[in-house]
C-alpha atoms as a PDB file:
ATOM      1  CA  MET A   1      -0.059   0.119  -0.169  1.00  0.00           C
ATOM      2  CA  ILE A   2       1.166   3.333  -1.002  1.00  0.00           C
ATOM      3  CA  LYS A   3       1.789   5.478   2.512  1.00  0.00           C
ATOM      4  CA  PHE A   4       1.656   9.200   2.142  1.00  0.00           C
ATOM      5  CA  LYS A   5       2.903  11.228   5.131  1.00  0.00           C
ATOM      6  CA  THR A   6       1.398  14.859   5.824  1.00  0.00           C
ATOM      7  CA  ARG A   7       4.837  16.388   4.748  1.00  0.00           C
ATOM      8  CA  MET A   8       7.355  14.488   2.512  1.00  0.00           C
ATOM      9  CA  THR A   9      10.777  15.860   0.602  1.00  0.00           C
ATOM     10  CA  SER A  10      10.803  16.076  -3.180  1.00  0.00           C
ATOM     11  CA  ALA A  11      13.354  13.309  -2.655  1.00  0.00           C
ATOM     12  CA  GLU A  12      10.892  11.149  -1.002  1.00  0.00           C
ATOM     13  CA  LEU A  13       8.213  11.547  -3.613  1.00  0.00           C
ATOM     14  CA  ALA A  14      10.471  11.307  -6.584  1.00  0.00           C
ATOM     15  CA  GLU A  15      11.446   7.893  -5.354  1.00  0.00           C
ATOM     16  CA  MET A  16       7.609   6.737  -5.059  1.00  0.00           C
ATOM     17  CA  ALA A  17       6.899   8.209  -8.514  1.00  0.00           C
ATOM     18  CA  ALA A  18       9.944   6.722 -10.035  1.00  0.00           C
ATOM     19  CA  THR A  19      11.360  10.119 -10.896  1.00  0.00           C
ATOM     20  CA  THR A  20      13.833  13.040  -9.925  1.00  0.00           C
ATOM     21  CA  PRO A  21      13.400  15.703  -7.219  1.00  0.00           C
ATOM     22  CA  GLN A  22      13.731  18.174  -9.816  1.00  0.00           C
ATOM     23  CA  THR A  23      10.681  16.749 -11.381  1.00  0.00           C
ATOM     24  CA  ILE A  24       8.903  16.886  -8.345  1.00  0.00           C
ATOM     25  CA  ASN A  25      10.006  20.422  -7.448  1.00  0.00           C
ATOM     26  CA  ARG A  26       8.471  21.449 -11.189  1.00  0.00           C
ATOM     27  CA  TRP A  27       5.397  19.804 -10.516  1.00  0.00           C
ATOM     28  CA  ALA A  28       5.084  21.584  -7.539  1.00  0.00           C
ATOM     29  CA  ARG A  29       5.883  24.839  -8.849  1.00  0.00           C
ATOM     30  CA  ALA A  30       3.081  24.278 -11.727  1.00  0.00           C
ATOM     31  CA  GLN A  31       0.573  23.030  -9.451  1.00  0.00           C
ATOM     32  CA  ASN A  32       0.742  25.392  -6.813  1.00  0.00           C
ATOM     33  CA  TRP A  33       1.376  22.940  -3.938  1.00  0.00           C
ATOM     34  CA  LYS A  34       2.396  24.485  -0.601  1.00  0.00           C
ATOM     35  CA  ARG A  35       5.889  23.743  -0.048  1.00  0.00           C
ATOM     36  CA  ARG A  36       8.646  25.167   2.031  1.00  0.00           C
ATOM     37  CA  LYS A  37      12.651  24.895   1.849  1.00  0.00           C
ATOM     38  CA  LEU A  38      14.435  22.364   4.215  1.00  0.00           C
ATOM     39  CA  LYS A  39      16.900  24.239   6.573  1.00  0.00           C
ATOM     40  CA  GLY A  40      20.469  23.589   5.556  1.00  0.00           C
ATOM     41  CA  SER A  41      19.687  22.611   2.222  1.00  0.00           C
ATOM     42  CA  LYS A  42      19.844  24.788  -0.800  1.00  0.00           C
ATOM     43  CA  ARG A  43      17.647  22.435  -3.307  1.00  0.00           C
ATOM     44  CA  GLN A  44      15.559  20.118  -1.059  1.00  0.00           C
ATOM     45  CA  LEU A  45      11.982  21.157  -0.795  1.00  0.00           C
ATOM     46  CA  GLU A  46       9.067  19.753   1.686  1.00  0.00           C
ATOM     47  CA  ILE A  47       6.121  19.455   0.336  1.00  0.00           C
ATOM     48  CA  PHE A  48       2.629  19.503   2.407  1.00  0.00           C
ATOM     49  CA  VAL A  49       0.854  16.458   0.812  1.00  0.00           C
ATOM     50  CA  ASN A  50      -2.788  17.148   0.515  1.00  0.00           C
ATOM     51  CA  ALA A  51      -5.632  15.516  -1.436  1.00  0.00           C
ATOM     52  CA  SER A  52      -4.757  17.573  -4.544  1.00  0.00           C
ATOM     53  CA  VAL A  53      -0.940  16.594  -4.432  1.00  0.00           C
ATOM     54  CA  ARG A  54      -2.209  13.018  -3.560  1.00  0.00           C
ATOM     55  CA  GLU A  55      -4.479  12.832  -6.603  1.00  0.00           C
ATOM     56  CA  TYR A  56      -1.841  14.192  -9.184  1.00  0.00           C
ATOM     57  CA  LEU A  57       0.737  12.200  -7.690  1.00  0.00           C
ATOM     58  CA  LEU A  58      -1.670   8.706  -8.217  1.00  0.00           C
ATOM     59  CA  SER A  59      -2.170   9.951 -11.663  1.00  0.00           C
ATOM     60  CA  THR A  60       1.430   9.397 -12.866  1.00  0.00           C
ATOM     61  CA  LYS A  61       1.905   6.379 -14.463  1.00  0.00           C
ATOM     62  CA  GLN A  62       4.296   4.884 -11.804  1.00  0.00           C
ATOM     63  CA  LEU A  63       2.033   5.231  -9.441  1.00  0.00           C
ATOM     64  CA  ARG A  64      -1.152   4.431 -11.167  1.00  0.00           C
ATOM     65  CA  TYR A  65       0.256   1.221 -11.784  1.00  0.00           C
ATOM     66  CA  PHE A  66       1.017   0.559  -8.339  1.00  0.00           C
ATOM     67  CA  ALA A  67      -2.422   1.834  -7.195  1.00  0.00           C
ATOM     68  CA  ASP A  68      -4.406  -0.526  -9.418  1.00  0.00           C
ATOM     69  CA  GLU A  69      -2.097  -3.407  -8.463  1.00  0.00           C
ATOM     70  CA  MET A  70      -2.004  -2.617  -4.730  1.00  0.00           C
ATOM     71  CA  HIS A  71      -5.742  -1.453  -4.515  1.00  0.00           C
ATOM     72  CA  VAL A  72      -4.777   1.865  -2.645  1.00  0.00           C
ATOM     73  CA  ALA A  73      -7.191   2.755  -0.040  1.00  0.00           C
ATOM     74  CA  ARG A  74      -9.479   5.460  -0.857  1.00  0.00           C
ATOM     75  CA  GLU A  75      -9.947   8.416   1.748  1.00  0.00           C
ATOM     76  CA  THR A  76     -13.097   8.669   3.311  1.00  0.00           C
ATOM     77  CA  PRO A  77     -14.772  12.379   2.494  1.00  0.00           C
ATOM     78  CA  ALA A  78     -13.678  14.651   6.041  1.00  0.00           C
ATOM     79  CA  ASP A  79     -16.112  16.482   8.182  1.00  0.00           C
ATOM     80  CA  TYR A  80     -16.287  19.990   7.767  1.00  0.00           C
ATOM     81  CA  GLY A  81     -14.054  21.803  10.106  1.00  0.00           C
ATOM     82  CA  ILE A  82     -10.421  21.639  10.718  1.00  0.00           C
ATOM     83  CA  SER A  83      -8.755  18.430  10.686  1.00  0.00           C
ATOM     84  CA  THR A  84      -6.124  17.118  13.478  1.00  0.00           C
ATOM     85  CA  SER A  85      -3.599  17.250  10.812  1.00  0.00           C
ATOM     86  CA  ASP A  86      -4.110  20.638  10.170  1.00  0.00           C
ATOM     87  CA  LEU A  87      -4.138  21.571  14.004  1.00  0.00           C
ATOM     88  CA  ALA A  88      -1.077  19.485  14.651  1.00  0.00           C
ATOM     89  CA  PHE A  89       0.409  21.285  12.030  1.00  0.00           C
ATOM     90  CA  LYS A  90      -0.308  24.840  13.561  1.00  0.00           C
ATOM     91  CA  LEU A  91       0.303  23.807  16.863  1.00  0.00           C
ATOM     92  CA  GLN A  92       3.863  22.591  15.682  1.00  0.00           C
ATOM     93  CA  GLU A  93       4.431  25.768  13.904  1.00  0.00           C
ATOM     94  CA  ALA A  94       3.278  27.557  17.060  1.00  0.00           C
ATOM     95  CA  LEU A  95       5.910  25.793  19.286  1.00  0.00           C
ATOM     96  CA  ASP A  96       8.543  26.423  16.652  1.00  0.00           C
ATOM     97  CA  MET A  97       8.032  30.227  16.879  1.00  0.00           C
ATOM     98  CA  MET A  98       8.114  29.934  20.687  1.00  0.00           C
ATOM     99  CA  THR A  99      11.489  30.641  22.594  1.00  0.00           C
ATOM    100  CA  SER A 100      12.885  27.855  24.587  1.00  0.00           C
ATOM    101  CA  GLY A 101      11.900  29.705  27.819  1.00  0.00           C
ATOM    102  CA  GLU A 102       8.204  30.204  26.571  1.00  0.00           C
ATOM    103  CA  GLN A 103       8.212  26.324  25.516  1.00  0.00           C
ATOM    104  CA  GLN A 104       9.325  25.477  28.896  1.00  0.00           C
ATOM    105  CA  LYS A 105       6.614  27.308  30.749  1.00  0.00           C
ATOM    106  CA  LEU A 106       3.784  26.167  28.355  1.00  0.00           C
ATOM    107  CA  SER A 107       4.910  22.650  29.092  1.00  0.00           C
ATOM    108  CA  ASP A 108       4.634  23.446  33.109  1.00  0.00           C
ATOM    109  CA  LEU A 109       1.492  24.728  32.571  1.00  0.00           C
ATOM    110  CA  LEU A 110       0.117  21.473  30.913  1.00  0.00           C
ATOM    111  CA  GLU A 111       2.100  19.116  33.590  1.00  0.00           C
ATOM    112  CA  ASN A 112       0.344  21.557  36.369  1.00  0.00           C
ATOM    113  CA  GLU A 113      -3.144  22.065  34.826  1.00  0.00           C
ATOM    114  CA  GLY A 114      -3.558  19.883  32.081  1.00  0.00           C
ATOM    115  CA  VAL A 115      -5.578  20.463  28.697  1.00  0.00           C
ATOM    116  CA  SER A 116      -8.694  21.484  30.423  1.00  0.00           C
ATOM    117  CA  GLY A 117      -6.799  24.171  32.777  1.00  0.00           C
ATOM    118  CA  LEU A 118      -5.116  25.592  29.551  1.00  0.00           C
ATOM    119  CA  LEU A 119      -8.402  25.649  27.389  1.00  0.00           C
ATOM    120  CA  SER A 120      -9.888  27.450  30.407  1.00  0.00           C
ATOM    121  CA  ARG A 121      -6.797  30.122  30.425  1.00  0.00           C
ATOM    122  CA  LEU A 122      -7.521  30.481  26.467  1.00  0.00           C
ATOM    123  CA  GLY A 123     -11.126  31.240  27.357  1.00  0.00           C
ATOM    124  CA  ILE A 124     -12.382  27.846  25.408  1.00  0.00           C
ATOM    125  CA  GLU A 125     -15.260  26.197  27.322  1.00  0.00           C
ATOM    126  CA  GLU A 126     -16.055  22.769  26.828  1.00  0.00           C
ATOM    127  CA  GLU A 127     -19.482  21.939  25.428  1.00  0.00           C
END
């Protein structure tokens, strides 16, 4: 079964699609896929794999063959709202922007008060 992660490098996607990372980068530019440069690398891109990226890659010759042979599981339609992968990504971005001191304070708050304490401080009430 073909496994897509939520974020993959152009090299990982190129290996799956039996092409070169440069081709994946060209596709990413042409299809306006969300991507960012990897730290410490001049040419490597990290591509955020969403439904349109999966659909495009599965339509390529190499992956279409594997999809037919391996009966790739189709995703079920998502409910309306924020998916957990988007939320996890946003939380990770927020943590990355915090200083180490701020991260430590947040960690202490979660240890002392838990998630419900954090949510009450943010003004988010449980329904």
